């Protein structure tokens, strides 16, 4: 399993391979669709983004309330396609990674390839596990959006995998093909699944 830190560089990204498991440490930011919409409106109004986006990773997540003594409540991924209409612009501005769940549209995959970026995924339903790897959480922008406010998180060994690498290899395309091949090969070889 590969360990990486933020901010991430092109050298780190070029060595990440679709399907590879990663433990991420450092600062990441949260934003869902309402925050993405607000960020692009700010840019259109010639206002700065709430954080320096260069080399950064956005986690598509809105946390549940934290229990007493906890840094954050369950913090699982949000379905990523809701951010797809905003993502190419942010990638063009220097965003290097996103964390979410589910496949991305062709324009986003093209933009990942063009900008030497990466899309990470974590499994839905893992919010409690994800929260264990978040050491600090603070709202830094758009508090009026509630759970969709932009947060700055400090994470340690946050478990993710490479869903779409900088070459455009896509686990949501490749994974089912490999699985079907595995099943067919094993059925032809006597029906055992070794």
N, C-alpha and C. Protein backbone atom coordinates (compact mmCIF):
# COMPACT_ATOMS: atom_id res chain seq x y z
N UNK A 1 0.86 -1.17 0.00
CA UNK A 1 0.00 0.00 0.00
C UNK A 1 0.90 1.23 0.00
N UNK A 2 0.58 2.17 -0.87
CA UNK A 2 1.40 3.38 -1.03
C UNK A 2 0.94 4.46 -0.04
N UNK A 3 1.91 5.16 0.56
CA UNK A 3 1.61 6.29 1.44
C UNK A 3 1.99 7.58 0.71
N UNK A 4 1.06 8.55 0.71
CA UNK A 4 1.34 9.85 0.09
C UNK A 4 0.89 10.96 1.03
N UNK A 5 1.46 12.17 0.80
CA UNK A 5 1.12 13.36 1.58
C UNK A 5 0.65 14.48 0.64
N UNK A 6 -0.19 15.33 1.19
CA UNK A 6 -0.60 16.53 0.46
C UNK A 6 0.32 17.67 0.84
N UNK A 7 0.45 18.68 -0.03
CA UNK A 7 -0.10 18.73 -1.39
C UNK A 7 0.60 17.71 -2.28
N UNK A 8 -0.13 17.21 -3.28
CA UNK A 8 0.46 16.20 -4.16
C UNK A 8 1.01 16.85 -5.42
N UNK A 9 2.09 16.27 -5.90
CA UNK A 9 2.80 16.80 -7.07
C UNK A 9 2.58 15.90 -8.27
N UNK A 10 2.94 16.41 -9.43
CA UNK A 10 2.84 15.61 -10.65
C UNK A 10 3.69 14.35 -10.56
N UNK A 11 4.86 14.44 -9.89
CA UNK A 11 5.72 13.26 -9.75
C UNK A 11 5.04 12.16 -8.96
N UNK A 12 4.32 12.53 -7.91
CA UNK A 12 3.58 11.53 -7.12
C UNK A 12 2.43 10.97 -7.95
N UNK A 13 1.70 11.85 -8.61
CA UNK A 13 0.52 11.44 -9.38
C UNK A 13 0.88 10.48 -10.51
N UNK A 14 1.99 10.74 -11.20
CA UNK A 14 2.34 9.89 -12.35
C UNK A 14 2.65 8.45 -11.93
N UNK A 15 3.00 8.25 -10.65
CA UNK A 15 3.30 6.90 -10.16
C UNK A 15 2.08 6.18 -9.58
N UNK A 16 0.94 6.86 -9.52
CA UNK A 16 -0.28 6.22 -9.01
C UNK A 16 -0.96 5.45 -10.13
N UNK A 17 -1.38 4.24 -9.82
CA UNK A 17 -1.96 3.34 -10.82
C UNK A 17 -3.40 3.00 -10.44
N UNK A 18 -4.27 2.99 -11.42
CA UNK A 18 -5.67 2.64 -11.21
C UNK A 18 -5.78 1.34 -10.41
N UNK A 19 -6.58 1.36 -9.35
CA UNK A 19 -6.78 0.20 -8.50
C UNK A 19 -5.86 0.14 -7.30
N UNK A 20 -4.83 0.96 -7.29
CA UNK A 20 -3.85 0.94 -6.20
C UNK A 20 -4.44 1.49 -4.91
N UNK A 21 -4.14 0.83 -3.80
CA UNK A 21 -4.57 1.30 -2.49
C UNK A 21 -3.57 2.34 -1.98
N UNK A 22 -4.11 3.38 -1.33
CA UNK A 22 -3.30 4.50 -0.87
C UNK A 22 -3.71 4.88 0.55
N UNK A 23 -2.72 5.27 1.35
CA UNK A 23 -2.96 5.88 2.65
C UNK A 23 -2.53 7.34 2.53
N UNK A 24 -3.48 8.25 2.69
CA UNK A 24 -3.25 9.68 2.48
C UNK A 24 -3.11 10.40 3.81
N UNK A 25 -2.09 11.25 3.92
CA UNK A 25 -1.90 12.08 5.10
C UNK A 25 -1.71 13.53 4.67
N UNK A 26 -2.06 14.46 5.56
CA UNK A 26 -1.89 15.88 5.28
C UNK A 26 -3.21 16.62 5.33
N UNK A 27 -3.25 17.76 4.66
CA UNK A 27 -4.44 18.61 4.62
C UNK A 27 -5.25 18.30 3.37
N UNK A 28 -6.56 18.11 3.55
CA UNK A 28 -7.49 18.01 2.43
C UNK A 28 -8.67 18.93 2.74
N UNK A 29 -9.48 19.18 1.74
CA UNK A 29 -10.62 20.08 1.90
C UNK A 29 -11.90 19.36 1.50
N UNK A 30 -13.01 19.72 2.14
CA UNK A 30 -14.29 19.13 1.76
C UNK A 30 -15.10 20.14 0.95
N UNK A 31 -15.85 19.64 0.02
CA UNK A 31 -16.80 20.46 -0.73
C UNK A 31 -17.76 19.53 -1.46
N UNK A 32 -19.03 19.86 -1.37
CA UNK A 32 -20.03 19.14 -2.16
C UNK A 32 -20.59 20.10 -3.20
N UNK A 33 -21.72 19.74 -3.81
CA UNK A 33 -22.21 20.52 -4.95
C UNK A 33 -22.53 21.98 -4.61
N UNK A 34 -23.13 22.26 -3.47
CA UNK A 34 -23.45 23.66 -3.14
C UNK A 34 -22.18 24.49 -2.98
N UNK A 35 -21.16 23.93 -2.36
CA UNK A 35 -19.89 24.65 -2.19
C UNK A 35 -19.18 24.82 -3.53
N UNK A 36 -19.23 23.80 -4.39
CA UNK A 36 -18.64 23.93 -5.73
C UNK A 36 -19.32 25.05 -6.51
N UNK A 37 -20.63 25.09 -6.44
CA UNK A 37 -21.38 26.14 -7.14
C UNK A 37 -20.96 27.52 -6.62
N UNK A 38 -20.84 27.65 -5.30
CA UNK A 38 -20.44 28.92 -4.71
C UNK A 38 -19.01 29.30 -5.11
N UNK A 39 -18.11 28.32 -5.14
CA UNK A 39 -16.72 28.62 -5.53
C UNK A 39 -16.66 29.14 -6.96
N UNK A 40 -17.41 28.51 -7.88
CA UNK A 40 -17.38 28.98 -9.26
C UNK A 40 -18.06 30.34 -9.41
N UNK A 41 -19.09 30.60 -8.61
CA UNK A 41 -19.69 31.94 -8.61
C UNK A 41 -18.69 32.98 -8.10
N UNK A 42 -17.93 32.62 -7.07
CA UNK A 42 -16.90 33.53 -6.56
C UNK A 42 -15.87 33.83 -7.64
N UNK A 43 -15.43 32.81 -8.35
CA UNK A 43 -14.46 33.02 -9.43
C UNK A 43 -15.03 33.93 -10.51
N UNK A 44 -16.30 33.72 -10.86
CA UNK A 44 -16.94 34.56 -11.89
C UNK A 44 -17.02 36.02 -11.43
N UNK A 45 -17.13 36.23 -10.11
CA UNK A 45 -17.18 37.58 -9.55
C UNK A 45 -15.78 38.12 -9.23
N UNK A 46 -14.75 37.41 -9.69
CA UNK A 46 -13.35 37.80 -9.48
C UNK A 46 -12.94 37.79 -8.00
N UNK A 47 -13.56 36.90 -7.24
CA UNK A 47 -13.19 36.70 -5.83
C UNK A 47 -12.32 35.46 -5.72
N UNK A 48 -11.42 35.41 -4.75
CA UNK A 48 -10.54 34.24 -4.62
C UNK A 48 -11.30 33.03 -4.07
N UNK A 49 -10.75 31.87 -4.34
CA UNK A 49 -11.28 30.65 -3.74
C UNK A 49 -10.96 30.67 -2.24
N UNK A 50 -11.68 29.90 -1.44
CA UNK A 50 -11.45 29.93 0.01
C UNK A 50 -10.14 29.28 0.47
N UNK A 51 -9.44 28.62 -0.44
CA UNK A 51 -8.14 28.03 -0.13
C UNK A 51 -7.33 27.97 -1.41
N UNK A 52 -6.01 27.89 -1.26
CA UNK A 52 -5.12 27.76 -2.42
C UNK A 52 -5.31 26.35 -2.98
N UNK A 53 -5.85 26.27 -4.17
CA UNK A 53 -6.25 24.99 -4.75
C UNK A 53 -5.08 24.20 -5.35
N UNK A 54 -3.95 24.85 -5.57
CA UNK A 54 -2.81 24.20 -6.23
C UNK A 54 -2.31 22.99 -5.45
N UNK A 55 -2.31 21.84 -6.11
CA UNK A 55 -1.80 20.62 -5.51
C UNK A 55 -2.70 20.01 -4.46
N UNK A 56 -3.92 20.52 -4.33
CA UNK A 56 -4.80 20.07 -3.25
C UNK A 56 -5.77 18.98 -3.69
N UNK A 57 -6.41 18.40 -2.68
CA UNK A 57 -7.41 17.35 -2.87
C UNK A 57 -8.71 17.80 -2.22
N UNK A 58 -9.81 17.64 -2.94
CA UNK A 58 -11.15 17.89 -2.38
C UNK A 58 -11.82 16.55 -2.13
N UNK A 59 -12.33 16.41 -0.89
CA UNK A 59 -13.08 15.23 -0.47
C UNK A 59 -14.56 15.59 -0.57
N UNK A 60 -15.31 14.86 -1.38
CA UNK A 60 -16.74 15.09 -1.53
C UNK A 60 -17.45 14.47 -0.33
N UNK A 61 -17.68 15.28 0.69
CA UNK A 61 -18.20 14.75 1.94
C UNK A 61 -18.88 15.86 2.72
N UNK A 62 -19.97 15.51 3.39
CA UNK A 62 -20.63 16.38 4.36
C UNK A 62 -20.80 15.55 5.62
N UNK A 63 -20.12 15.90 6.71
CA UNK A 63 -20.09 15.03 7.88
C UNK A 63 -21.39 15.03 8.67
N UNK A 64 -21.59 13.95 9.40
CA UNK A 64 -22.64 13.90 10.41
C UNK A 64 -22.13 14.64 11.65
N UNK A 65 -23.02 15.03 12.55
CA UNK A 65 -22.55 15.70 13.77
C UNK A 65 -21.59 14.81 14.56
N UNK A 66 -20.62 15.47 15.18
CA UNK A 66 -19.63 14.74 15.99
C UNK A 66 -20.21 14.40 17.35
N UNK A 67 -19.88 13.21 17.85
CA UNK A 67 -20.23 12.84 19.21
C UNK A 67 -19.33 13.62 20.17
N UNK A 68 -19.74 13.79 21.41
CA UNK A 68 -18.88 14.51 22.36
C UNK A 68 -17.47 13.91 22.40
N UNK A 69 -16.48 14.79 22.31
CA UNK A 69 -15.09 14.34 22.36
C UNK A 69 -14.51 13.89 21.03
N UNK A 70 -15.34 13.84 19.99
CA UNK A 70 -14.86 13.41 18.67
C UNK A 70 -14.53 14.63 17.81
N UNK A 71 -13.58 14.47 16.90
CA UNK A 71 -13.18 15.54 15.98
C UNK A 71 -14.28 15.82 14.97
N UNK A 72 -14.91 14.75 14.50
CA UNK A 72 -15.91 14.84 13.43
C UNK A 72 -16.82 13.63 13.54
N UNK A 73 -18.03 13.75 13.04
CA UNK A 73 -18.92 12.60 12.99
C UNK A 73 -18.58 11.73 11.79
N UNK A 74 -19.37 10.68 11.54
CA UNK A 74 -19.12 9.85 10.36
C UNK A 74 -18.95 10.72 9.12
N UNK A 75 -17.94 10.38 8.33
CA UNK A 75 -17.51 11.25 7.23
C UNK A 75 -17.27 10.44 5.97
N UNK A 76 -18.33 9.85 5.44
CA UNK A 76 -18.19 9.03 4.25
C UNK A 76 -18.32 9.83 2.97
N UNK A 77 -17.95 9.24 1.85
CA UNK A 77 -17.95 9.95 0.57
C UNK A 77 -19.35 10.17 0.02
N UNK A 78 -19.48 11.26 -0.74
CA UNK A 78 -20.69 11.60 -1.47
C UNK A 78 -20.52 11.16 -2.93
N UNK A 79 -21.61 10.85 -3.60
CA UNK A 79 -21.57 10.48 -5.01
C UNK A 79 -20.96 11.62 -5.82
N UNK A 80 -19.93 11.30 -6.56
CA UNK A 80 -19.09 12.32 -7.20
C UNK A 80 -19.70 13.00 -8.41
N UNK A 81 -20.56 12.31 -9.14
CA UNK A 81 -21.05 12.89 -10.41
C UNK A 81 -21.78 14.21 -10.19
N UNK A 82 -22.24 14.46 -8.96
CA UNK A 82 -22.92 15.73 -8.68
C UNK A 82 -21.98 16.93 -8.82
N UNK A 83 -20.68 16.70 -8.74
CA UNK A 83 -19.70 17.78 -8.86
C UNK A 83 -19.11 17.87 -10.27
N UNK A 84 -19.52 16.98 -11.16
CA UNK A 84 -18.86 16.88 -12.47
C UNK A 84 -18.93 18.15 -13.31
N UNK A 85 -20.01 18.91 -13.21
CA UNK A 85 -20.09 20.12 -14.04
C UNK A 85 -19.15 21.22 -13.56
N UNK A 86 -18.66 21.11 -12.33
CA UNK A 86 -17.74 22.11 -11.78
C UNK A 86 -16.27 21.68 -11.83
N UNK A 87 -16.04 20.38 -11.89
CA UNK A 87 -14.70 19.83 -11.70
C UNK A 87 -13.67 20.25 -12.75
N UNK A 88 -13.97 20.22 -14.05
CA UNK A 88 -12.93 20.60 -15.02
C UNK A 88 -12.34 21.98 -14.77
N UNK A 89 -13.15 22.95 -14.41
CA UNK A 89 -12.65 24.30 -14.13
C UNK A 89 -11.67 24.29 -12.96
N UNK A 90 -12.01 23.56 -11.90
CA UNK A 90 -11.13 23.50 -10.73
C UNK A 90 -9.83 22.76 -11.04
N UNK A 91 -9.92 21.72 -11.86
CA UNK A 91 -8.71 21.02 -12.29
C UNK A 91 -7.82 21.94 -13.12
N UNK A 92 -8.42 22.74 -13.99
CA UNK A 92 -7.65 23.70 -14.79
C UNK A 92 -6.94 24.72 -13.90
N UNK A 93 -7.50 24.99 -12.72
CA UNK A 93 -6.91 25.97 -11.80
C UNK A 93 -5.85 25.37 -10.88
N UNK A 94 -5.63 24.05 -10.96
CA UNK A 94 -4.56 23.45 -10.18
C UNK A 94 -4.98 22.39 -9.19
N UNK A 95 -6.29 22.13 -9.04
CA UNK A 95 -6.72 21.02 -8.19
C UNK A 95 -6.09 19.75 -8.72
N UNK A 96 -5.56 18.90 -7.83
CA UNK A 96 -4.86 17.70 -8.28
C UNK A 96 -5.57 16.41 -7.94
N UNK A 97 -6.55 16.45 -7.04
CA UNK A 97 -7.22 15.21 -6.71
C UNK A 97 -8.58 15.43 -6.10
N UNK A 98 -9.41 14.41 -6.22
CA UNK A 98 -10.73 14.39 -5.63
C UNK A 98 -10.92 13.03 -4.98
N UNK A 99 -11.71 13.01 -3.90
CA UNK A 99 -12.08 11.75 -3.24
C UNK A 99 -13.59 11.70 -3.20
N UNK A 100 -14.17 10.61 -3.67
CA UNK A 100 -15.61 10.45 -3.64
C UNK A 100 -15.98 9.00 -3.85
N UNK A 101 -17.16 8.80 -4.42
CA UNK A 101 -17.58 7.44 -4.78
C UNK A 101 -18.32 7.50 -6.09
N UNK A 102 -18.18 6.45 -6.88
CA UNK A 102 -18.88 6.36 -8.15
C UNK A 102 -18.07 6.91 -9.31
N UNK A 103 -18.54 6.58 -10.50
CA UNK A 103 -17.84 6.93 -11.74
C UNK A 103 -17.95 8.42 -12.04
N UNK A 104 -17.13 8.88 -12.96
CA UNK A 104 -17.12 10.27 -13.41
C UNK A 104 -17.50 10.33 -14.89
N UNK A 105 -17.93 11.50 -15.34
CA UNK A 105 -18.31 11.68 -16.74
C UNK A 105 -17.06 11.81 -17.61
N UNK A 106 -17.25 11.65 -18.90
CA UNK A 106 -16.13 11.76 -19.85
C UNK A 106 -15.41 13.11 -19.77
N UNK A 107 -16.13 14.25 -19.68
CA UNK A 107 -15.39 15.52 -19.57
C UNK A 107 -14.47 15.59 -18.34
N UNK A 108 -14.90 15.00 -17.24
CA UNK A 108 -14.05 14.99 -16.04
C UNK A 108 -12.84 14.09 -16.26
N UNK A 109 -13.05 12.91 -16.84
CA UNK A 109 -11.93 12.00 -17.10
C UNK A 109 -10.94 12.65 -18.06
N UNK A 110 -11.44 13.31 -19.09
CA UNK A 110 -10.56 14.03 -20.02
C UNK A 110 -9.76 15.11 -19.30
N UNK A 111 -10.41 15.82 -18.38
CA UNK A 111 -9.74 16.88 -17.63
C UNK A 111 -8.72 16.31 -16.64
N UNK A 112 -9.01 15.17 -16.05
CA UNK A 112 -8.04 14.49 -15.19
C UNK A 112 -6.78 14.18 -15.99
N UNK A 113 -6.98 13.63 -17.17
CA UNK A 113 -5.85 13.29 -18.05
C UNK A 113 -5.08 14.55 -18.46
N UNK A 114 -5.80 15.57 -18.90
CA UNK A 114 -5.20 16.82 -19.38
C UNK A 114 -4.38 17.51 -18.30
N UNK A 115 -4.86 17.47 -17.05
CA UNK A 115 -4.24 18.20 -15.96
C UNK A 115 -3.36 17.34 -15.06
N UNK A 116 -3.10 16.10 -15.46
CA UNK A 116 -2.29 15.18 -14.65
C UNK A 116 -2.80 15.16 -13.21
N UNK A 117 -4.06 14.79 -13.07
CA UNK A 117 -4.70 14.74 -11.76
C UNK A 117 -5.08 13.29 -11.46
N UNK A 118 -5.80 13.08 -10.37
CA UNK A 118 -6.19 11.73 -9.96
C UNK A 118 -7.53 11.80 -9.23
N UNK A 119 -8.34 10.77 -9.44
CA UNK A 119 -9.60 10.63 -8.71
C UNK A 119 -9.48 9.41 -7.82
N UNK A 120 -9.59 9.66 -6.52
CA UNK A 120 -9.56 8.59 -5.53
C UNK A 120 -10.99 8.26 -5.14
N UNK A 121 -11.19 7.04 -4.70
CA UNK A 121 -12.50 6.66 -4.18
C UNK A 121 -12.31 5.98 -2.84
N UNK A 122 -13.35 6.07 -2.04
CA UNK A 122 -13.44 5.23 -0.86
C UNK A 122 -14.83 4.62 -0.90
N UNK A 123 -14.99 3.55 -0.21
CA UNK A 123 -16.21 2.76 -0.31
C UNK A 123 -17.33 3.45 0.47
N UNK A 124 -18.51 3.52 -0.15
CA UNK A 124 -19.67 4.06 0.53
C UNK A 124 -19.99 3.23 1.77
N UNK A 125 -20.50 3.88 2.80
CA UNK A 125 -20.84 3.19 4.04
C UNK A 125 -19.67 3.09 5.02
N UNK A 126 -18.56 3.77 4.70
CA UNK A 126 -17.38 3.69 5.56
C UNK A 126 -17.15 4.98 6.34
N UNK A 127 -18.19 5.75 6.58
CA UNK A 127 -18.05 7.04 7.23
C UNK A 127 -17.40 6.99 8.60
N UNK A 128 -17.72 5.98 9.39
CA UNK A 128 -17.11 5.87 10.72
C UNK A 128 -15.63 5.54 10.60
N UNK A 129 -15.29 4.64 9.68
CA UNK A 129 -13.88 4.32 9.45
C UNK A 129 -13.12 5.55 8.97
N UNK A 130 -13.68 6.28 8.01
CA UNK A 130 -13.03 7.49 7.51
C UNK A 130 -12.79 8.49 8.63
N UNK A 131 -13.78 8.67 9.50
CA UNK A 131 -13.67 9.65 10.58
C UNK A 131 -12.51 9.34 11.52
N UNK A 132 -12.19 8.08 11.69
CA UNK A 132 -11.08 7.69 12.58
C UNK A 132 -9.73 8.22 12.08
N UNK A 133 -9.64 8.54 10.81
CA UNK A 133 -8.39 9.00 10.22
C UNK A 133 -8.34 10.52 10.08
N UNK A 134 -9.37 11.20 10.58
CA UNK A 134 -9.41 12.67 10.54
C UNK A 134 -9.00 13.19 11.91
N UNK A 135 -7.89 13.93 11.95
CA UNK A 135 -7.34 14.40 13.22
C UNK A 135 -7.80 15.81 13.58
N UNK A 136 -8.22 16.58 12.59
CA UNK A 136 -8.66 17.95 12.83
C UNK A 136 -9.67 18.33 11.75
N UNK A 137 -10.67 19.11 12.14
CA UNK A 137 -11.69 19.57 11.19
C UNK A 137 -12.11 20.98 11.57
N UNK A 138 -12.10 21.88 10.58
CA UNK A 138 -12.60 23.24 10.83
C UNK A 138 -13.28 23.77 9.58
N UNK A 139 -14.38 24.48 9.77
CA UNK A 139 -15.07 25.14 8.66
C UNK A 139 -14.27 26.38 8.29
N UNK A 140 -13.94 26.50 6.99
CA UNK A 140 -13.16 27.66 6.54
C UNK A 140 -13.92 28.56 5.56
N UNK A 141 -15.06 28.10 5.05
CA UNK A 141 -15.82 28.92 4.10
C UNK A 141 -17.27 28.45 4.00
N UNK A 142 -18.14 29.39 3.70
CA UNK A 142 -19.56 29.15 3.44
C UNK A 142 -20.27 28.44 4.61
N UNK A 143 -20.12 28.92 5.83
CA UNK A 143 -20.77 28.25 6.97
C UNK A 143 -22.29 28.20 6.82
N UNK A 144 -22.84 29.13 6.05
CA UNK A 144 -24.29 29.15 5.83
C UNK A 144 -24.79 27.91 5.10
N UNK A 145 -23.87 27.15 4.50
CA UNK A 145 -24.25 25.93 3.78
C UNK A 145 -24.39 24.72 4.71
N UNK A 146 -24.16 24.90 6.00
CA UNK A 146 -24.31 23.79 6.95
C UNK A 146 -23.32 22.68 6.68
N UNK A 147 -23.82 21.46 6.51
CA UNK A 147 -22.91 20.33 6.28
C UNK A 147 -22.17 20.44 4.95
N UNK A 148 -22.64 21.33 4.07
CA UNK A 148 -21.95 21.51 2.78
C UNK A 148 -20.90 22.62 2.82
N UNK A 149 -20.67 23.21 3.99
CA UNK A 149 -19.62 24.22 4.13
C UNK A 149 -18.27 23.59 3.77
N UNK A 150 -17.34 24.43 3.33
CA UNK A 150 -15.98 23.94 3.03
C UNK A 150 -15.24 23.77 4.35
N UNK A 151 -14.68 22.59 4.53
CA UNK A 151 -13.89 22.28 5.72
C UNK A 151 -12.45 22.01 5.34
N UNK A 152 -11.57 22.34 6.25
CA UNK A 152 -10.17 21.97 6.15
C UNK A 152 -9.98 20.80 7.11
N UNK A 153 -9.50 19.68 6.58
CA UNK A 153 -9.28 18.49 7.40
C UNK A 153 -7.80 18.15 7.44
N UNK A 154 -7.35 17.66 8.58
CA UNK A 154 -6.03 17.05 8.68
C UNK A 154 -6.27 15.56 8.82
N UNK A 155 -5.69 14.79 7.90
CA UNK A 155 -5.91 13.34 7.90
C UNK A 155 -4.58 12.61 8.07
N UNK A 156 -4.67 11.40 8.62
CA UNK A 156 -3.48 10.55 8.76
C UNK A 156 -3.85 9.15 8.31
N UNK A 157 -3.11 8.65 7.34
CA UNK A 157 -3.32 7.31 6.79
C UNK A 157 -4.78 7.07 6.41
N UNK A 158 -5.37 8.06 5.73
CA UNK A 158 -6.75 8.00 5.27
C UNK A 158 -6.84 6.97 4.13
N UNK A 159 -7.66 5.91 4.28
CA UNK A 159 -7.66 4.81 3.31
C UNK A 159 -8.52 5.09 2.07
N UNK A 160 -7.87 5.12 0.91
CA UNK A 160 -8.54 5.37 -0.37
C UNK A 160 -7.90 4.47 -1.42
N UNK A 161 -8.47 4.47 -2.61
CA UNK A 161 -7.83 3.77 -3.73
C UNK A 161 -7.94 4.63 -4.98
N UNK A 162 -7.04 4.38 -5.92
CA UNK A 162 -7.01 5.15 -7.16
C UNK A 162 -8.12 4.62 -8.07
N UNK A 163 -9.13 5.44 -8.30
CA UNK A 163 -10.24 5.04 -9.16
C UNK A 163 -9.98 5.42 -10.62
N UNK A 164 -9.41 6.61 -10.84
CA UNK A 164 -9.03 7.06 -12.19
C UNK A 164 -7.65 7.69 -12.07
N UNK A 165 -6.69 7.11 -12.78
CA UNK A 165 -5.33 7.64 -12.70
C UNK A 165 -5.11 8.72 -13.75
N UNK A 166 -3.92 9.31 -13.75
CA UNK A 166 -3.62 10.44 -14.63
C UNK A 166 -3.62 10.07 -16.10
N UNK A 167 -3.57 8.78 -16.41
CA UNK A 167 -3.64 8.32 -17.80
C UNK A 167 -5.08 8.08 -18.24
N UNK A 168 -6.02 8.22 -17.31
CA UNK A 168 -7.42 8.00 -17.63
C UNK A 168 -7.89 6.58 -17.42
N UNK A 169 -7.02 5.71 -16.90
CA UNK A 169 -7.45 4.34 -16.58
C UNK A 169 -8.50 4.42 -15.47
N UNK A 170 -9.60 3.71 -15.66
CA UNK A 170 -10.79 3.89 -14.84
C UNK A 170 -11.23 2.56 -14.25
N UNK A 171 -11.19 2.44 -12.93
CA UNK A 171 -11.57 1.18 -12.28
C UNK A 171 -13.03 0.83 -12.53
N UNK A 172 -13.86 1.84 -12.77
CA UNK A 172 -15.28 1.58 -13.01
C UNK A 172 -15.51 0.97 -14.39
N UNK A 173 -14.55 1.12 -15.29
CA UNK A 173 -14.58 0.43 -16.58
C UNK A 173 -13.78 -0.86 -16.52
N UNK A 174 -12.56 -0.77 -16.00
CA UNK A 174 -11.66 -1.92 -15.99
C UNK A 174 -12.09 -3.01 -15.01
N UNK A 175 -12.58 -2.62 -13.84
CA UNK A 175 -12.94 -3.59 -12.81
C UNK A 175 -13.97 -4.61 -13.26
N UNK A 176 -15.12 -4.18 -13.79
CA UNK A 176 -16.11 -5.16 -14.25
C UNK A 176 -15.59 -6.06 -15.37
N UNK A 177 -14.77 -5.51 -16.27
CA UNK A 177 -14.21 -6.33 -17.35
C UNK A 177 -13.31 -7.42 -16.79
N UNK A 178 -12.45 -7.05 -15.84
CA UNK A 178 -11.56 -8.03 -15.22
C UNK A 178 -12.35 -9.08 -14.44
N UNK A 179 -13.41 -8.64 -13.75
CA UNK A 179 -14.22 -9.58 -12.99
C UNK A 179 -14.91 -10.57 -13.92
N UNK A 180 -15.50 -10.07 -15.01
CA UNK A 180 -16.16 -10.97 -15.97
C UNK A 180 -15.15 -11.96 -16.55
N UNK A 181 -13.97 -11.50 -16.89
CA UNK A 181 -12.93 -12.38 -17.42
C UNK A 181 -12.56 -13.44 -16.38
N UNK A 182 -12.43 -13.03 -15.14
CA UNK A 182 -12.09 -13.95 -14.05
C UNK A 182 -13.16 -15.04 -13.92
N UNK A 183 -14.42 -14.64 -13.93
CA UNK A 183 -15.53 -15.60 -13.81
C UNK A 183 -15.54 -16.56 -15.00
N UNK A 184 -15.44 -16.02 -16.21
CA UNK A 184 -15.46 -16.86 -17.41
C UNK A 184 -14.28 -17.81 -17.42
N UNK A 185 -13.09 -17.31 -17.13
CA UNK A 185 -11.90 -18.17 -17.11
C UNK A 185 -12.05 -19.29 -16.10
N UNK A 186 -12.62 -19.00 -14.94
CA UNK A 186 -12.76 -20.02 -13.91
C UNK A 186 -13.89 -21.00 -14.22
N UNK A 187 -14.94 -20.54 -14.88
CA UNK A 187 -16.00 -21.47 -15.26
C UNK A 187 -15.51 -22.42 -16.33
N UNK A 188 -14.71 -21.92 -17.25
CA UNK A 188 -14.14 -22.78 -18.29
C UNK A 188 -13.18 -23.79 -17.69
N UNK A 189 -12.51 -23.39 -16.62
CA UNK A 189 -11.53 -24.27 -15.96
C UNK A 189 -12.17 -25.08 -14.84
N UNK A 190 -13.38 -25.54 -15.03
CA UNK A 190 -14.01 -26.45 -14.08
C UNK A 190 -14.89 -25.80 -13.03
N UNK A 191 -15.15 -24.51 -13.15
CA UNK A 191 -16.08 -23.86 -12.23
C UNK A 191 -15.50 -23.55 -10.86
N UNK A 192 -14.21 -23.70 -10.68
CA UNK A 192 -13.63 -23.33 -9.38
C UNK A 192 -13.19 -21.88 -9.42
N UNK A 193 -13.34 -21.22 -8.31
CA UNK A 193 -12.97 -19.80 -8.22
C UNK A 193 -11.76 -19.67 -7.31
N UNK A 194 -10.60 -19.87 -7.90
CA UNK A 194 -9.36 -19.82 -7.11
C UNK A 194 -8.73 -18.47 -7.20
